[in-house]
Amino acid sequence: MVGAIWRQLLFFTIASRRDVVTRALKTAVIVGVLLVMINHGDAILAGEWTFERILKIGLTVLVPYCVSTYSSVGAIQNEK
């Protein structure tokens, strides 16, 4: 039980490091914008802004941020 808590704390400690956050933000912007344009570009150009679409766009950008953070933390933990 204590080991699991320690691993979670370690994960969040590494995930909040400046270099990890910066890399994840860059990835989220680049990949997120591409995915938003692919998945929602036609609706955006047509001016179809709904709460549901805005939520989906937010999640579309959040996913690459989470994937980048998770992989960075894993790589850092494997270095040790």
Protein backbone atom coordinates (compact mmCIF):
# COMPACT_ATOMS: atom_id res chain seq x y z
CA MET A 1 0.00 0.00 0.00
CA VAL A 2 2.74 2.47 0.95
CA GLY A 3 4.70 1.48 -2.17
CA ALA A 4 1.75 2.31 -4.41
CA ILE A 5 1.32 5.71 -2.77
CA TRP A 6 5.05 6.39 -3.12
CA ARG A 7 4.95 5.50 -6.85
CA GLN A 8 2.02 7.86 -7.40
CA LEU A 9 3.78 10.69 -5.57
CA LEU A 10 6.93 10.05 -7.57
CA PHE A 11 4.92 10.07 -10.82
CA PHE A 12 3.32 13.44 -10.04
CA THR A 13 6.63 14.88 -8.85
CA ILE A 14 8.27 14.02 -12.16
CA ALA A 15 5.18 15.00 -14.18
CA SER A 16 5.27 18.49 -12.69
CA ARG A 17 8.94 19.10 -13.56
CA ARG A 18 9.45 22.14 -15.78
CA ASP A 19 11.09 20.17 -18.62
CA VAL A 20 8.33 17.56 -18.67
CA VAL A 21 5.56 20.17 -18.63
CA THR A 22 7.27 22.23 -21.35
CA ARG A 23 7.70 19.20 -23.62
CA ALA A 24 4.10 18.12 -23.04
CA LEU A 25 2.75 21.61 -23.78
CA LYS A 26 4.70 21.81 -27.03
CA THR A 27 3.45 18.39 -28.05
CA ALA A 28 -0.13 19.24 -27.10
CA VAL A 29 -0.09 22.45 -29.13
CA ILE A 30 1.40 20.90 -32.26
CA VAL A 31 -0.44 17.57 -32.25
CA GLY A 32 -3.60 19.06 -30.71
CA VAL A 33 -3.97 21.74 -33.38
CA LEU A 34 -3.50 19.16 -36.13
CA LEU A 35 -6.10 16.86 -34.57
CA VAL A 36 -8.55 19.73 -33.98
CA MET A 37 -8.25 20.78 -37.62
CA ILE A 38 -8.73 17.22 -38.84
CA ASN A 39 -11.67 16.44 -36.55
CA HIS A 40 -13.38 19.83 -36.16
CA GLY A 41 -11.99 22.08 -38.88
CA ASP A 42 -15.11 22.10 -41.04
CA ALA A 43 -17.34 22.94 -38.08
CA ILE A 44 -14.97 25.68 -36.88
CA LEU A 45 -14.91 27.27 -40.33
CA ALA A 46 -18.72 27.10 -40.44
CA GLY A 47 -18.90 28.85 -37.05
CA GLU A 48 -20.58 25.93 -35.33
CA TRP A 49 -19.50 26.53 -31.74
CA THR A 50 -21.40 24.51 -29.17
CA PHE A 51 -20.48 23.62 -25.61
CA GLU A 52 -20.11 20.00 -26.68
CA ARG A 53 -17.71 20.92 -29.51
CA ILE A 54 -15.61 23.15 -27.24
CA LEU A 55 -15.40 20.31 -24.71
CA LYS A 56 -14.33 17.87 -27.43
CA ILE A 57 -11.70 20.31 -28.70
CA GLY A 58 -10.34 20.67 -25.17
CA LEU A 59 -10.12 16.90 -24.79
CA THR A 60 -8.51 16.62 -28.22
CA VAL A 61 -5.67 18.84 -26.99
CA LEU A 62 -5.53 17.25 -23.53
CA VAL A 63 -4.90 13.74 -24.86
CA PRO A 64 -1.50 14.47 -26.47
CA TYR A 65 -0.50 16.39 -23.32
CA CYS A 66 -1.27 13.35 -21.17
CA VAL A 67 0.45 10.92 -23.55
CA SER A 68 3.58 13.07 -23.70
CA THR A 69 3.65 13.47 -19.92
CA TYR A 70 3.16 9.75 -19.32
CA SER A 71 5.90 8.76 -21.76
CA SER A 72 8.33 11.37 -20.38
CA VAL A 73 7.78 10.20 -16.82
CA GLY A 74 8.27 6.59 -17.88
CA ALA A 75 11.49 7.42 -19.70
CA ILE A 76 12.84 9.37 -16.72
CA GLN A 77 11.96 6.57 -14.30
CA ASN A 78 13.69 4.00 -16.53
CA GLU A 79 16.91 6.04 -16.55
CA LYS A 80 17.43 5.35 -12.85
